[in-house]
Amino acid sequence: MRVKDGVGAYGEEIAVRRLEEDGLRILARNWRCPAGELDIVAEEGDVVVVCEVKTRSGLGFGSGLEAVTREKGARLRRLALAWLEANGRRGRPMRIDVIAVHRRPDEPPRVEHVRGAF
């Protein structure tokens, strides 16, 4: 496993724990289709929540939140609609969240969760 992949997997695990602590139910992780991948698909009440997770070990490349552009948001929306269709949930309310996980040595990770980012 590449270091980048290990950092990403770590961040996704932290994000899943935070979502579950906040009462969301995880429906899928790393869901793939020909158009791309969704990191986490969860459910909060009757709303399907697609979460893009960005993990950073430092701020040399900016914060994780800054890494998710409008173009990425539009792609996430297309992927979210594909997930809804593939899972028989077309027409369900949906939102797209971004979760940034910042990790530093000898400190607990810092999690920023932006609900309804797109």
Protein backbone atom coordinates (compact mmCIF):
# COMPACT_ATOMS: atom_id res chain seq x y z
CA MET A 1 0.00 0.00 0.00
CA ARG A 2 1.30 3.43 -0.91
CA VAL A 3 1.78 5.91 1.93
CA LYS A 4 -0.87 8.18 0.38
CA ASP A 5 -3.36 5.30 0.38
CA GLY A 6 -2.59 4.53 4.02
CA VAL A 7 -3.16 8.15 5.02
CA GLY A 8 -6.47 8.16 3.12
CA ALA A 9 -7.64 4.91 4.73
CA TYR A 10 -6.75 6.30 8.17
CA GLY A 11 -8.77 9.46 7.52
CA GLU A 12 -11.77 7.52 6.25
CA GLU A 13 -11.77 5.37 9.38
CA ILE A 14 -11.68 8.48 11.59
CA ALA A 15 -14.49 10.02 9.51
CA VAL A 16 -16.66 6.89 9.81
CA ARG A 17 -16.22 6.89 13.59
CA ARG A 18 -17.19 10.58 13.77
CA LEU A 19 -20.27 10.06 11.58
CA GLU A 20 -21.41 7.12 13.69
CA GLU A 21 -20.86 9.14 16.89
CA ASP A 22 -23.04 11.86 15.34
CA GLY A 23 -25.82 9.32 14.74
CA LEU A 24 -25.40 8.62 11.03
CA ARG A 25 -25.69 5.07 9.70
CA ILE A 26 -22.99 4.00 7.23
CA LEU A 27 -24.44 2.49 4.06
CA ALA A 28 -21.30 2.11 1.91
CA ARG A 29 -17.57 2.74 1.91
CA ASN A 30 -15.41 3.20 -1.16
CA TRP A 31 -18.33 2.61 -3.53
CA ARG A 32 -17.12 2.43 -7.11
CA CYS A 33 -18.73 2.67 -10.50
CA PRO A 34 -17.24 3.37 -13.94
CA ALA A 35 -17.53 7.14 -13.31
CA GLY A 36 -15.54 7.14 -10.06
CA GLU A 37 -15.65 6.47 -6.33
CA LEU A 38 -17.51 7.73 -3.29
CA ASP A 39 -15.60 7.58 0.00
CA ILE A 40 -18.58 7.18 2.35
CA VAL A 41 -22.33 6.96 1.85
CA ALA A 42 -24.36 7.35 5.05
CA GLU A 43 -27.90 7.99 6.14
CA GLU A 44 -29.15 10.63 8.55
CA GLY A 45 -32.88 10.18 9.06
CA ASP A 46 -34.31 9.95 5.56
CA VAL A 47 -31.41 11.88 3.97
CA VAL A 48 -28.68 10.04 2.06
CA VAL A 49 -25.36 11.72 2.88
CA VAL A 50 -22.37 11.39 0.56
CA CYS A 51 -19.11 12.24 2.32
CA GLU A 52 -15.88 13.16 0.60
CA VAL A 53 -12.95 12.67 2.99
CA LYS A 54 -9.64 14.50 2.67
CA THR A 55 -6.82 13.67 5.07
CA ARG A 56 -3.75 15.80 5.62
CA SER A 57 -0.63 15.17 7.68
CA GLY A 58 0.36 18.81 7.36
CA LEU A 59 -0.82 22.00 5.72
CA GLY A 60 1.89 22.18 3.05
CA PHE A 61 -0.73 21.38 0.41
CA GLY A 62 -3.50 23.38 2.09
CA SER A 63 -6.33 22.12 4.25
CA GLY A 64 -8.37 19.13 3.25
CA LEU A 65 -11.40 21.36 2.79
CA GLU A 66 -9.56 23.51 0.25
CA ALA A 67 -8.82 20.43 -1.84
CA VAL A 68 -12.48 19.88 -2.75
CA THR A 69 -13.23 22.21 -5.64
CA ARG A 70 -16.52 23.07 -7.33
CA GLU A 71 -15.58 20.70 -10.13
CA LYS A 72 -15.10 17.92 -7.59
CA GLY A 73 -18.45 18.87 -6.04
CA ALA A 74 -20.18 18.51 -9.41
CA ARG A 75 -18.53 15.11 -9.91
CA LEU A 76 -19.62 14.01 -6.42
CA ARG A 77 -23.19 15.01 -7.25
CA ARG A 78 -23.14 12.87 -10.43
CA LEU A 79 -21.69 9.94 -8.48
CA ALA A 80 -24.24 10.39 -5.70
CA LEU A 81 -27.08 10.23 -8.22
CA ALA A 82 -25.52 7.08 -9.69
CA TRP A 83 -25.38 5.54 -6.19
CA LEU A 84 -29.03 6.40 -5.55
CA GLU A 85 -30.03 4.81 -8.86
CA ALA A 86 -27.87 1.70 -8.32
CA ASN A 87 -29.30 1.19 -4.83
CA GLY A 88 -32.98 1.72 -5.57
CA ARG A 89 -33.14 5.07 -3.75
CA ARG A 90 -33.81 7.44 -6.63
CA GLY A 91 -35.74 10.49 -5.47
CA ARG A 92 -34.52 10.31 -1.86
CA PRO A 93 -33.30 13.54 -0.27
CA MET A 94 -29.52 13.79 -0.52
CA ARG A 95 -26.69 16.06 0.55
CA ILE A 96 -22.96 16.11 0.01
CA ASP A 97 -20.64 16.70 2.97
CA VAL A 98 -16.89 17.18 3.12
CA ILE A 99 -14.85 15.88 6.03
CA ALA A 100 -11.25 17.01 6.52
CA VAL A 101 -9.07 14.98 8.87
CA HIS A 102 -5.86 16.68 9.99
CA ARG A 103 -3.38 14.46 11.76
CA ARG A 104 -0.24 15.48 13.54
CA PRO A 105 2.27 13.40 15.45
CA ASP A 106 1.50 13.00 19.14
CA GLU A 107 -1.91 14.70 18.86
CA PRO A 108 -5.40 13.35 18.33
CA PRO A 109 -6.71 13.97 14.81
CA ARG A 110 -8.69 17.15 14.21
CA VAL A 111 -11.89 16.62 12.23
CA GLU A 112 -13.76 19.33 10.30
CA HIS A 113 -17.19 18.30 8.98
CA VAL A 114 -18.90 20.64 6.53
CA ARG A 115 -22.52 19.54 6.09
CA GLY A 116 -24.13 20.34 2.78
CA ALA A 117 -20.89 21.55 1.18
CA PHE A 118 -22.40 21.01 -2.30
